Amino acid sequence: MPATAGLLVTPKRLVLEGEQTHAQVTLANRSQEPMTVRISLVNRQMTPEGRLIAPTSGHEQFFADQLLRYSPRRVRLPPGGSQTVRIARTAADTPDGEYRSHLLFQIEPSGNEPVDLNVGENNPSGLDIRLHPVFGISIPVVIRIGELAATANITDLHLHTDGDRPQATFTLQRQGDRSLFGDIAVYFQPEDGHEERVGLRRGLAVYPPLEARQITIPLNIPPDSRPSGRLRVEYNAQEGRHARLAETELQW
């Protein structure tokens, strides 16, 4: 079980826009042991596969680390305990745009379970290296300034199998000056039946400057009994009025 399994962070995402300049995150220790959590701000770049990595050069990105302050930066949580972390937006004269960084919550090692390397008979140097792994959970903090907009489009929808399970694969495209954030739902309607949801993925984002993500959704359809019909994919916003952002379909 991951060392972060006992740490609960809510909410999983923060957006500061309009007149909103303050927010808070609650940390809760659901384990039976005390834990110390170190809090920091980090910048991350999204890849076309949806991974968040350290930013690379050559990509114009707006990060929020210089626009935020937060407190505390280190908390001690007893078993069953909780703590509120306060976040505030600064720099009122910042140009319009969407700025994003991630709050990283790292559980400091207790020191009770180090990992030993290069010890014993196979260690001619005699060095004793003891590593303490540091695990963490990160959540995005998004600042939006000005009138921003984005649209989405779903292209290149096709079906394939991974082992015995069918999957829908497609490209989710973003246009505009802000990120996308929503839920993907996949529906199938056989020629002689009613439409049913066969796939779901919640909380899927596309962060600038990325313009497209490659998405794969496993489908709850037995591969040996797939009827012909219509496959429909929709992307619905989680923010605002939960509007339909994009939709496409494929005749199966």
Protein backbone atom coordinates (compact mmCIF):
# COMPACT_ATOMS: atom_id res chain seq x y z
CA MET A 1 0.00 0.00 0.00
CA PRO A 2 1.42 3.47 -0.88
CA ALA A 3 2.72 5.48 2.03
CA THR A 4 0.28 8.25 1.10
CA ALA A 5 -2.75 5.97 1.49
CA GLY A 6 -3.44 7.36 4.96
CA LEU A 7 -3.28 11.00 3.84
CA LEU A 8 -6.55 12.51 2.60
CA VAL A 9 -6.36 15.85 0.73
CA THR A 10 -9.55 17.78 -0.08
CA PRO A 11 -10.41 19.29 -2.45
CA LYS A 12 -8.40 17.72 -5.29
CA ARG A 13 -8.26 20.95 -7.28
CA LEU A 14 -8.38 24.70 -6.57
CA VAL A 15 -9.47 27.45 -8.97
CA LEU A 16 -9.18 31.14 -8.06
CA GLU A 17 -10.94 33.45 -10.50
CA GLY A 18 -12.90 36.67 -10.54
CA GLU A 19 -12.97 38.26 -7.11
CA GLN A 20 -11.92 35.06 -5.33
CA THR A 21 -8.48 35.50 -3.77
CA HIS A 22 -8.49 32.94 -0.93
CA ALA A 23 -9.02 29.19 -0.63
CA GLN A 24 -8.14 26.37 1.71
CA VAL A 25 -7.20 22.71 1.63
CA THR A 26 -7.85 20.21 4.40
CA LEU A 27 -5.34 17.47 5.24
CA ALA A 28 -6.55 14.47 7.23
CA ASN A 29 -4.58 11.54 8.63
CA ARG A 30 -6.64 8.36 8.18
CA SER A 31 -3.85 6.05 9.36
CA GLN A 32 -3.07 4.68 12.80
CA GLU A 33 0.31 6.40 12.96
CA PRO A 34 1.27 10.09 13.30
CA MET A 35 2.64 11.75 10.19
CA THR A 36 4.49 14.93 9.31
CA VAL A 37 3.55 16.54 6.00
CA ARG A 38 5.80 19.00 4.19
CA ILE A 39 4.01 21.41 1.83
CA SER A 40 5.55 23.11 -1.22
CA LEU A 41 4.63 24.67 -4.56
CA VAL A 42 5.96 23.00 -7.71
CA ASN A 43 5.56 23.69 -11.43
CA ARG A 44 4.51 20.90 -13.77
CA GLN A 45 4.07 20.55 -17.54
CA MET A 46 1.50 18.16 -19.02
CA THR A 47 2.55 15.68 -21.73
CA PRO A 48 0.25 14.44 -24.54
CA GLU A 49 -0.16 11.24 -22.51
CA GLY A 50 -1.43 13.24 -19.53
CA ARG A 51 1.66 12.88 -17.31
CA LEU A 52 2.81 15.86 -15.26
CA ILE A 53 6.58 16.39 -15.51
CA ALA A 54 9.12 19.07 -14.66
CA PRO A 55 8.81 21.93 -17.18
CA THR A 56 11.09 21.90 -20.20
CA SER A 57 12.45 24.86 -22.15
CA GLY A 58 10.88 26.04 -25.38
CA HIS A 59 7.28 26.08 -24.10
CA GLU A 60 5.66 29.33 -23.03
CA GLN A 61 3.78 28.60 -19.82
CA PHE A 62 2.20 30.68 -17.09
CA PHE A 63 2.99 29.33 -13.62
CA ALA A 64 1.29 30.51 -10.44
CA ASP A 65 4.06 29.97 -7.88
CA GLN A 66 4.95 33.68 -7.81
CA LEU A 67 1.28 34.64 -7.37
CA LEU A 68 0.48 32.49 -4.35
CA ARG A 69 1.26 32.37 -0.67
CA TYR A 70 0.24 29.58 1.68
CA SER A 71 0.46 28.62 5.34
CA PRO A 72 1.51 26.48 7.14
CA ARG A 73 4.33 24.81 5.23
CA ARG A 74 4.77 21.84 7.53
CA VAL A 75 2.16 20.13 9.70
CA ARG A 76 2.16 17.32 12.22
CA LEU A 77 -0.96 15.16 12.06
CA PRO A 78 -1.84 12.71 14.84
CA PRO A 79 -3.86 9.59 13.94
CA GLY A 80 -7.31 10.79 12.93
CA GLY A 81 -6.19 14.42 13.02
CA SER A 82 -6.70 17.14 10.41
CA GLN A 83 -5.23 20.51 9.48
CA THR A 84 -6.33 23.37 7.22
CA VAL A 85 -3.84 24.91 4.78
CA ARG A 86 -4.70 28.48 3.73
CA ILE A 87 -3.92 29.73 0.21
CA ALA A 88 -4.08 33.35 -0.98
CA ARG A 89 -3.58 35.02 -4.36
CA THR A 90 -1.22 38.00 -4.55
CA ALA A 91 0.07 40.35 -7.30
CA ALA A 92 -3.13 42.17 -8.23
CA ASP A 93 -1.56 43.77 -11.34
CA THR A 94 -0.82 40.46 -13.08
CA PRO A 95 -1.64 40.41 -16.83
CA ASP A 96 -4.71 38.48 -17.96
CA GLY A 97 -4.27 34.76 -18.41
CA GLU A 98 -4.47 31.39 -16.69
CA TYR A 99 -1.67 30.56 -14.26
CA ARG A 100 -1.13 27.11 -12.72
CA SER A 101 1.15 25.44 -10.20
CA HIS A 102 0.72 22.40 -7.95
CA LEU A 103 0.61 22.16 -4.18
CA LEU A 104 2.72 19.16 -3.19
CA PHE A 105 2.08 17.37 0.10
CA GLN A 106 4.95 15.07 1.03
CA ILE A 107 4.96 12.71 4.01
CA GLU A 108 8.30 12.94 5.74
CA PRO A 109 9.90 9.54 6.44
CA SER A 110 9.64 8.30 9.99
CA GLY A 111 13.15 6.88 9.83
CA ASN A 112 11.93 3.46 10.91
CA GLU A 113 12.06 1.75 7.52
CA PRO A 114 15.12 2.82 5.52
CA VAL A 115 16.14 1.05 2.32
CA ASP A 116 19.66 -0.41 2.42
CA LEU A 117 21.87 -0.36 -0.70
CA ASN A 118 25.39 -1.65 -1.32
CA VAL A 119 25.79 -3.52 1.93
CA GLY A 120 27.08 -7.00 2.66
CA GLU A 121 29.54 -9.23 0.84
CA ASN A 122 28.73 -7.73 -2.60
CA ASN A 123 29.81 -4.26 -1.48
CA PRO A 124 33.61 -4.00 -1.95
CA SER A 125 33.60 -0.26 -1.21
CA GLY A 126 32.23 -0.78 2.27
CA LEU A 127 29.73 2.05 1.82
CA ASP A 128 26.45 1.86 3.70
CA ILE A 129 23.80 3.86 1.83
CA ARG A 130 20.45 4.25 3.51
CA LEU A 131 17.60 5.80 1.54
CA HIS A 132 14.35 7.13 2.99
CA PRO A 133 11.67 7.34 0.26
CA VAL A 134 9.51 10.47 0.32
CA PHE A 135 5.99 10.06 -1.05
CA GLY A 136 3.58 12.82 -1.96
CA ILE A 137 0.22 13.94 -3.32
CA SER A 138 -0.15 17.03 -5.51
CA ILE A 139 -3.19 19.09 -6.49
CA PRO A 140 -3.41 21.82 -9.14
CA VAL A 141 -3.95 25.44 -8.13
CA VAL A 142 -5.30 27.48 -11.06
CA ILE A 143 -5.54 31.28 -11.16
CA ARG A 144 -7.65 32.84 -13.92
CA ILE A 145 -7.43 36.57 -14.57
CA GLY A 146 -9.57 38.30 -17.20
CA GLU A 147 -12.10 36.96 -19.69
CA LEU A 148 -10.74 33.59 -20.79
CA ALA A 149 -12.33 30.88 -22.92
CA ALA A 150 -11.56 27.45 -24.33
CA THR A 151 -13.28 24.95 -26.60
CA ALA A 152 -12.78 21.21 -27.04
CA ASN A 153 -12.99 18.74 -29.90
CA ILE A 154 -12.80 14.94 -30.04
CA THR A 155 -11.12 13.42 -33.11
CA ASP A 156 -9.64 10.13 -34.35
CA LEU A 157 -12.04 7.90 -32.40
CA HIS A 158 -11.34 4.21 -32.93
CA LEU A 159 -11.68 0.89 -31.12
CA HIS A 160 -9.12 -1.74 -30.22
CA THR A 161 -8.59 -4.41 -27.59
CA ASP A 162 -6.08 -4.71 -24.78
CA GLY A 163 -6.01 -8.39 -23.99
CA ASP A 164 -9.68 -9.32 -23.94
CA ARG A 165 -11.10 -5.89 -23.07
CA PRO A 166 -12.32 -3.43 -25.72
CA GLN A 167 -11.07 0.14 -25.48
CA ALA A 168 -11.98 3.45 -27.10
CA THR A 169 -9.02 5.63 -28.10
CA PHE A 170 -9.27 9.21 -29.34
CA THR A 171 -7.62 12.64 -29.33
CA LEU A 172 -9.01 15.38 -27.08
CA GLN A 173 -8.12 18.77 -28.55
CA ARG A 174 -8.08 22.14 -26.77
CA GLN A 175 -8.33 25.60 -28.32
CA GLY A 176 -8.27 28.88 -26.40
CA ASP A 177 -6.44 30.63 -23.57
CA ARG A 178 -7.46 28.48 -20.59
CA SER A 179 -7.44 24.84 -19.56
CA LEU A 180 -10.17 22.23 -19.93
CA PHE A 181 -11.43 20.09 -17.05
CA GLY A 182 -14.27 17.60 -17.22
CA ASP A 183 -15.54 14.03 -17.40
CA ILE A 184 -15.42 11.65 -20.35
CA ALA A 185 -18.38 9.30 -20.77
CA VAL A 186 -18.70 6.60 -23.46
CA TYR A 187 -22.12 5.23 -24.47
CA PHE A 188 -23.07 2.30 -26.69
CA GLN A 189 -26.41 1.74 -28.39
CA PRO A 190 -26.89 -1.58 -30.19
CA GLU A 191 -29.07 -1.57 -33.27
CA ASP A 192 -31.83 -3.41 -31.43
CA GLY A 193 -31.52 -1.84 -27.96
CA HIS A 194 -31.21 1.21 -25.74
CA GLU A 195 -28.12 3.33 -25.18
CA GLU A 196 -26.07 2.44 -22.08
CA ARG A 197 -22.93 3.93 -20.58
CA VAL A 198 -19.99 1.57 -21.07
CA GLY A 199 -17.04 3.77 -20.01
CA LEU A 200 -16.30 6.70 -17.69
CA ARG A 201 -13.29 8.75 -16.69
CA ARG A 202 -13.70 11.68 -14.30
CA GLY A 203 -11.55 14.77 -13.80
CA LEU A 204 -9.69 14.79 -17.12
CA ALA A 205 -7.76 18.01 -17.79
CA VAL A 206 -5.88 19.53 -20.72
CA TYR A 207 -3.49 22.22 -19.44
CA PRO A 208 -1.93 24.95 -21.65
CA PRO A 209 0.22 25.11 -23.61
CA LEU A 210 -0.77 21.52 -24.49
CA GLU A 211 -3.24 21.49 -27.38
CA ALA A 212 -4.16 17.80 -27.48
CA ARG A 213 -4.17 14.69 -25.27
CA GLN A 214 -4.32 11.06 -26.31
CA ILE A 215 -7.08 9.31 -24.34
CA THR A 216 -7.89 5.62 -23.86
CA ILE A 217 -11.07 4.50 -22.07
CA PRO A 218 -11.67 0.80 -21.20
CA LEU A 219 -15.19 -0.31 -22.17
CA ASN A 220 -17.52 -2.59 -20.22
CA ILE A 221 -18.48 -4.70 -23.24
CA PRO A 222 -17.68 -8.45 -23.39
CA PRO A 223 -15.38 -8.89 -26.42
CA ASP A 224 -17.07 -12.13 -27.47
CA SER A 225 -20.56 -10.63 -27.58
CA ARG A 226 -20.10 -7.20 -29.17
CA PRO A 227 -23.19 -6.35 -31.23
CA SER A 228 -23.19 -3.75 -33.99
CA GLY A 229 -24.44 -0.29 -33.17
CA ARG A 230 -23.35 3.26 -32.30
CA LEU A 231 -20.54 4.29 -29.94
CA ARG A 232 -20.83 7.86 -28.61
CA VAL A 233 -18.19 9.80 -26.62
CA GLU A 234 -18.95 13.02 -24.75
CA TYR A 235 -16.81 15.39 -22.70
CA ASN A 236 -18.69 17.38 -20.05
CA ALA A 237 -17.26 20.26 -18.02
CA GLN A 238 -17.03 19.87 -14.24
CA GLU A 239 -16.87 23.63 -13.79
CA GLY A 240 -19.53 26.26 -14.31
CA ARG A 241 -22.79 24.89 -15.68
CA HIS A 242 -21.35 21.46 -16.51
CA ALA A 243 -21.82 22.18 -20.21
CA ARG A 244 -21.16 19.69 -22.99
CA LEU A 245 -17.70 20.55 -24.28
CA ALA A 246 -17.36 18.03 -27.10
CA GLU A 247 -19.04 14.97 -28.57
CA THR A 248 -18.44 12.48 -31.36
CA GLU A 249 -19.71 9.07 -32.40
CA LEU A 250 -18.66 6.00 -34.31
CA GLN A 251 -20.76 3.37 -36.03
CA TRP A 252 -19.60 -0.01 -34.77
